[in-house]
Amino acid sequence: MFGFSQTMAAWVMAIFSLLMVLLAVMAYCIDMRRGLRLDAVSGACMILTLAGMGAFWLGALLGWVWLIWAALGGLVVLVVVGTWAERRARRQERGQI
């Protein structure tokens, strides 16, 4: 059973993670209106990376080692996939593919 402070911290981190994802979606929409085109894969990776950071901090706050390691592994995969997708999109824009 969690104490009040741990429960409160978990709720704060859940809300913070949700706000980070909403901020990323908002930035993505603003960039689309300005004409900056993000590849769909790299945009999804950006949003999921922010959610993964929230999961990492939630795991650190609650002391859940399994959540910390799962979030770190997921973040590494998302960074690699997002970087690859961004490079592919840039090469397509330059006409190299």
N, C-alpha and C. Protein backbone atom coordinates (compact mmCIF):
# COMPACT_ATOMS: atom_id res chain seq x y z
N MET A 1 0.85 -1.19 0.00
CA MET A 1 0.00 0.00 0.00
C MET A 1 0.88 1.24 0.00
N PHE A 2 0.51 2.21 -0.78
CA PHE A 2 1.28 3.45 -0.85
C PHE A 2 0.85 4.42 0.22
N GLY A 3 1.80 5.25 0.63
CA GLY A 3 1.46 6.35 1.53
C GLY A 3 0.87 7.48 0.72
N PHE A 4 0.38 8.49 1.43
CA PHE A 4 -0.26 9.62 0.76
C PHE A 4 0.72 10.34 -0.16
N SER A 5 1.96 10.54 0.30
CA SER A 5 2.92 11.30 -0.52
C SER A 5 3.28 10.55 -1.80
N GLN A 6 3.41 9.22 -1.72
CA GLN A 6 3.71 8.45 -2.93
C GLN A 6 2.54 8.46 -3.91
N THR A 7 1.34 8.36 -3.38
CA THR A 7 0.16 8.40 -4.25
C THR A 7 0.03 9.76 -4.91
N MET A 8 0.26 10.81 -4.13
CA MET A 8 0.19 12.17 -4.68
C MET A 8 1.27 12.37 -5.74
N ALA A 9 2.48 11.88 -5.49
CA ALA A 9 3.56 12.01 -6.46
C ALA A 9 3.24 11.24 -7.74
N ALA A 10 2.63 10.07 -7.59
CA ALA A 10 2.26 9.29 -8.78
C ALA A 10 1.23 10.04 -9.62
N TRP A 11 0.26 10.65 -8.98
CA TRP A 11 -0.75 11.43 -9.72
C TRP A 11 -0.11 12.64 -10.40
N VAL A 12 0.79 13.31 -9.70
CA VAL A 12 1.46 14.48 -10.29
C VAL A 12 2.27 14.06 -11.51
N MET A 13 2.99 12.94 -11.42
CA MET A 13 3.79 12.49 -12.55
C MET A 13 2.91 12.03 -13.72
N ALA A 14 1.78 11.42 -13.42
CA ALA A 14 0.87 11.01 -14.49
C ALA A 14 0.33 12.24 -15.22
N ILE A 15 -0.05 13.25 -14.47
CA ILE A 15 -0.55 14.49 -15.08
C ILE A 15 0.55 15.19 -15.86
N PHE A 16 1.77 15.22 -15.29
CA PHE A 16 2.91 15.84 -15.96
C PHE A 16 3.22 15.13 -17.27
N SER A 17 3.17 13.80 -17.28
CA SER A 17 3.43 13.03 -18.50
C SER A 17 2.38 13.34 -19.56
N LEU A 18 1.13 13.40 -19.15
CA LEU A 18 0.06 13.72 -20.08
C LEU A 18 0.24 15.12 -20.67
N LEU A 19 0.62 16.07 -19.84
CA LEU A 19 0.85 17.43 -20.33
C LEU A 19 2.03 17.49 -21.29
N MET A 20 3.08 16.70 -21.05
CA MET A 20 4.21 16.68 -21.98
C MET A 20 3.79 16.14 -23.34
N VAL A 21 2.96 15.11 -23.34
CA VAL A 21 2.49 14.55 -24.61
C VAL A 21 1.61 15.57 -25.33
N LEU A 22 0.73 16.25 -24.60
CA LEU A 22 -0.12 17.27 -25.22
C LEU A 22 0.71 18.42 -25.78
N LEU A 23 1.77 18.81 -25.08
CA LEU A 23 2.66 19.85 -25.57
C LEU A 23 3.36 19.42 -26.86
N ALA A 24 3.78 18.16 -26.92
CA ALA A 24 4.42 17.66 -28.13
C ALA A 24 3.45 17.64 -29.30
N VAL A 25 2.21 17.24 -29.05
CA VAL A 25 1.20 17.23 -30.11
C VAL A 25 0.93 18.66 -30.59
N MET A 26 0.86 19.61 -29.65
CA MET A 26 0.64 21.00 -30.01
C MET A 26 1.80 21.55 -30.86
N ALA A 27 3.04 21.23 -30.45
CA ALA A 27 4.20 21.68 -31.22
C ALA A 27 4.19 21.06 -32.62
N TYR A 28 3.79 19.81 -32.72
CA TYR A 28 3.71 19.13 -34.01
C TYR A 28 2.69 19.83 -34.91
N CYS A 29 1.53 20.18 -34.35
CA CYS A 29 0.48 20.86 -35.14
C CYS A 29 0.92 22.25 -35.57
N ILE A 30 1.60 22.99 -34.68
CA ILE A 30 2.09 24.33 -35.03
C ILE A 30 3.12 24.23 -36.14
N ASP A 31 4.03 23.25 -36.05
CA ASP A 31 5.04 23.07 -37.09
C ASP A 31 4.41 22.71 -38.42
N MET A 32 3.34 21.90 -38.39
CA MET A 32 2.66 21.55 -39.64
C MET A 32 2.05 22.78 -40.29
N ARG A 33 1.47 23.68 -39.48
CA ARG A 33 0.87 24.89 -40.05
C ARG A 33 1.92 25.82 -40.64
N ARG A 34 3.11 25.82 -40.08
CA ARG A 34 4.19 26.66 -40.60
C ARG A 34 4.85 26.06 -41.83
N GLY A 35 4.51 24.83 -42.13
CA GLY A 35 5.09 24.19 -43.31
C GLY A 35 6.26 23.28 -43.00
N LEU A 36 6.64 23.16 -41.73
CA LEU A 36 7.70 22.23 -41.36
C LEU A 36 7.08 20.85 -41.26
N ARG A 37 7.52 19.96 -42.11
CA ARG A 37 6.89 18.65 -42.18
C ARG A 37 7.73 17.62 -41.44
N LEU A 38 7.12 17.03 -40.43
CA LEU A 38 7.76 15.92 -39.73
C LEU A 38 7.25 14.62 -40.32
N ASP A 39 8.12 13.68 -40.47
CA ASP A 39 7.70 12.36 -40.89
C ASP A 39 6.80 11.79 -39.80
N ALA A 40 5.81 11.01 -40.20
CA ALA A 40 4.86 10.46 -39.23
C ALA A 40 5.55 9.59 -38.18
N VAL A 41 6.54 8.82 -38.61
CA VAL A 41 7.25 7.95 -37.67
C VAL A 41 8.03 8.77 -36.67
N SER A 42 8.76 9.79 -37.14
CA SER A 42 9.55 10.59 -36.21
C SER A 42 8.67 11.43 -35.30
N GLY A 43 7.52 11.87 -35.79
CA GLY A 43 6.58 12.60 -34.93
C GLY A 43 6.02 11.72 -33.83
N ALA A 44 5.67 10.49 -34.19
CA ALA A 44 5.18 9.55 -33.18
C ALA A 44 6.28 9.21 -32.18
N CYS A 45 7.51 9.08 -32.66
CA CYS A 45 8.63 8.80 -31.75
C CYS A 45 8.85 9.95 -30.78
N MET A 46 8.69 11.19 -31.26
CA MET A 46 8.86 12.34 -30.38
C MET A 46 7.82 12.31 -29.27
N ILE A 47 6.58 12.05 -29.62
CA ILE A 47 5.50 12.04 -28.63
C ILE A 47 5.68 10.88 -27.66
N LEU A 48 6.01 9.71 -28.16
CA LEU A 48 6.21 8.55 -27.29
C LEU A 48 7.45 8.69 -26.41
N THR A 49 8.48 9.40 -26.90
CA THR A 49 9.66 9.64 -26.08
C THR A 49 9.32 10.49 -24.87
N LEU A 50 8.51 11.50 -25.07
CA LEU A 50 8.10 12.32 -23.93
C LEU A 50 7.27 11.52 -22.93
N ALA A 51 6.41 10.65 -23.44
CA ALA A 51 5.64 9.79 -22.54
C ALA A 51 6.56 8.81 -21.81
N GLY A 52 7.57 8.31 -22.51
CA GLY A 52 8.54 7.41 -21.88
C GLY A 52 9.35 8.08 -20.80
N MET A 53 9.67 9.37 -21.01
CA MET A 53 10.38 10.11 -19.96
C MET A 53 9.51 10.24 -18.72
N GLY A 54 8.24 10.46 -18.92
CA GLY A 54 7.32 10.51 -17.78
C GLY A 54 7.24 9.18 -17.06
N ALA A 55 7.22 8.08 -17.81
CA ALA A 55 7.19 6.75 -17.20
C ALA A 55 8.48 6.48 -16.43
N PHE A 56 9.61 6.94 -16.97
CA PHE A 56 10.89 6.78 -16.27
C PHE A 56 10.87 7.50 -14.93
N TRP A 57 10.42 8.75 -14.93
CA TRP A 57 10.40 9.50 -13.68
C TRP A 57 9.39 8.94 -12.70
N LEU A 58 8.28 8.45 -13.19
CA LEU A 58 7.30 7.81 -12.31
C LEU A 58 7.90 6.57 -11.66
N GLY A 59 8.61 5.77 -12.44
CA GLY A 59 9.28 4.59 -11.88
C GLY A 59 10.34 4.96 -10.86
N ALA A 60 11.08 6.04 -11.15
CA ALA A 60 12.10 6.49 -10.20
C ALA A 60 11.47 7.00 -8.91
N LEU A 61 10.35 7.67 -9.04
CA LEU A 61 9.68 8.21 -7.87
C LEU A 61 9.11 7.11 -6.98
N LEU A 62 8.54 6.09 -7.60
CA LEU A 62 7.92 5.01 -6.83
C LEU A 62 8.89 3.89 -6.49
N GLY A 63 10.09 3.95 -7.06
CA GLY A 63 11.08 2.91 -6.79
C GLY A 63 10.82 1.62 -7.53
N TRP A 64 10.13 1.70 -8.64
CA TRP A 64 9.84 0.51 -9.44
C TRP A 64 10.95 0.33 -10.46
N VAL A 65 11.89 -0.55 -10.15
CA VAL A 65 13.06 -0.75 -11.01
C VAL A 65 12.65 -1.28 -12.38
N TRP A 66 11.66 -2.16 -12.43
CA TRP A 66 11.22 -2.73 -13.71
C TRP A 66 10.70 -1.64 -14.64
N LEU A 67 10.01 -0.63 -14.10
CA LEU A 67 9.49 0.45 -14.94
C LEU A 67 10.61 1.35 -15.43
N ILE A 68 11.61 1.56 -14.58
CA ILE A 68 12.77 2.37 -14.97
C ILE A 68 13.49 1.72 -16.15
N TRP A 69 13.79 0.42 -16.03
CA TRP A 69 14.52 -0.26 -17.10
C TRP A 69 13.68 -0.38 -18.37
N ALA A 70 12.39 -0.62 -18.22
CA ALA A 70 11.52 -0.70 -19.40
C ALA A 70 11.46 0.65 -20.11
N ALA A 71 11.36 1.74 -19.35
CA ALA A 71 11.31 3.07 -19.95
C ALA A 71 12.63 3.40 -20.63
N LEU A 72 13.75 3.07 -20.01
CA LEU A 72 15.06 3.35 -20.62
C LEU A 72 15.24 2.57 -21.92
N GLY A 73 14.88 1.30 -21.91
CA GLY A 73 14.99 0.50 -23.14
C GLY A 73 14.10 1.04 -24.23
N GLY A 74 12.88 1.41 -23.87
CA GLY A 74 11.96 2.00 -24.84
C GLY A 74 12.47 3.31 -25.39
N LEU A 75 13.08 4.14 -24.53
CA LEU A 75 13.60 5.43 -24.98
C LEU A 75 14.74 5.25 -25.97
N VAL A 76 15.61 4.29 -25.72
CA VAL A 76 16.72 4.04 -26.65
C VAL A 76 16.18 3.62 -28.02
N VAL A 77 15.22 2.71 -28.01
CA VAL A 77 14.62 2.25 -29.28
C VAL A 77 13.95 3.40 -30.01
N LEU A 78 13.20 4.23 -29.27
CA LEU A 78 12.51 5.36 -29.91
C LEU A 78 13.47 6.38 -30.48
N VAL A 79 14.57 6.64 -29.79
CA VAL A 79 15.56 7.60 -30.31
C VAL A 79 16.19 7.06 -31.59
N VAL A 80 16.54 5.78 -31.61
CA VAL A 80 17.15 5.19 -32.80
C VAL A 80 16.18 5.21 -33.98
N VAL A 81 14.94 4.77 -33.75
CA VAL A 81 13.95 4.74 -34.82
C VAL A 81 13.60 6.15 -35.29
N GLY A 82 13.45 7.09 -34.36
CA GLY A 82 13.12 8.47 -34.72
C GLY A 82 14.22 9.13 -35.53
N THR A 83 15.48 8.90 -35.14
CA THR A 83 16.61 9.47 -35.88
C THR A 83 16.68 8.89 -37.29
N TRP A 84 16.48 7.59 -37.40
CA TRP A 84 16.49 6.95 -38.71
C TRP A 84 15.38 7.52 -39.60
N ALA A 85 14.18 7.69 -39.04
CA ALA A 85 13.06 8.20 -39.82
C ALA A 85 13.29 9.64 -40.26
N GLU A 86 13.89 10.45 -39.37
CA GLU A 86 14.18 11.84 -39.72
C GLU A 86 15.18 11.90 -40.86
N ARG A 87 16.24 11.12 -40.79
CA ARG A 87 17.25 11.12 -41.86
C ARG A 87 16.64 10.66 -43.18
N ARG A 88 15.80 9.65 -43.11
CA ARG A 88 15.14 9.16 -44.33
C ARG A 88 14.25 10.24 -44.94
N ALA A 89 13.51 10.97 -44.09
CA ALA A 89 12.64 12.04 -44.58
C ALA A 89 13.45 13.16 -45.21
N ARG A 90 14.58 13.51 -44.60
CA ARG A 90 15.42 14.58 -45.16
C ARG A 90 16.01 14.17 -46.50
N ARG A 91 16.42 12.90 -46.61
CA ARG A 91 16.96 12.44 -47.90
C ARG A 91 15.89 12.44 -48.97
N GLN A 92 14.65 12.11 -48.60
CA GLN A 92 13.55 12.15 -49.56
C GLN A 92 13.30 13.57 -50.03
N GLU A 93 13.37 14.53 -49.10
CA GLU A 93 13.14 15.93 -49.47
C GLU A 93 14.21 16.42 -50.43
N ARG A 94 15.44 15.95 -50.26
CA ARG A 94 16.52 16.36 -51.15
C ARG A 94 16.53 15.56 -52.45
N GLY A 95 15.68 14.55 -52.54
CA GLY A 95 15.59 13.76 -53.77
C GLY A 95 16.65 12.70 -53.90
N GLN A 96 17.26 12.31 -52.80
CA GLN A 96 18.31 11.29 -52.87
C GLN A 96 17.76 9.88 -52.84
N ILE A 97 16.49 9.72 -52.50
CA ILE A 97 15.90 8.37 -52.47
C ILE A 97 14.92 8.25 -53.61
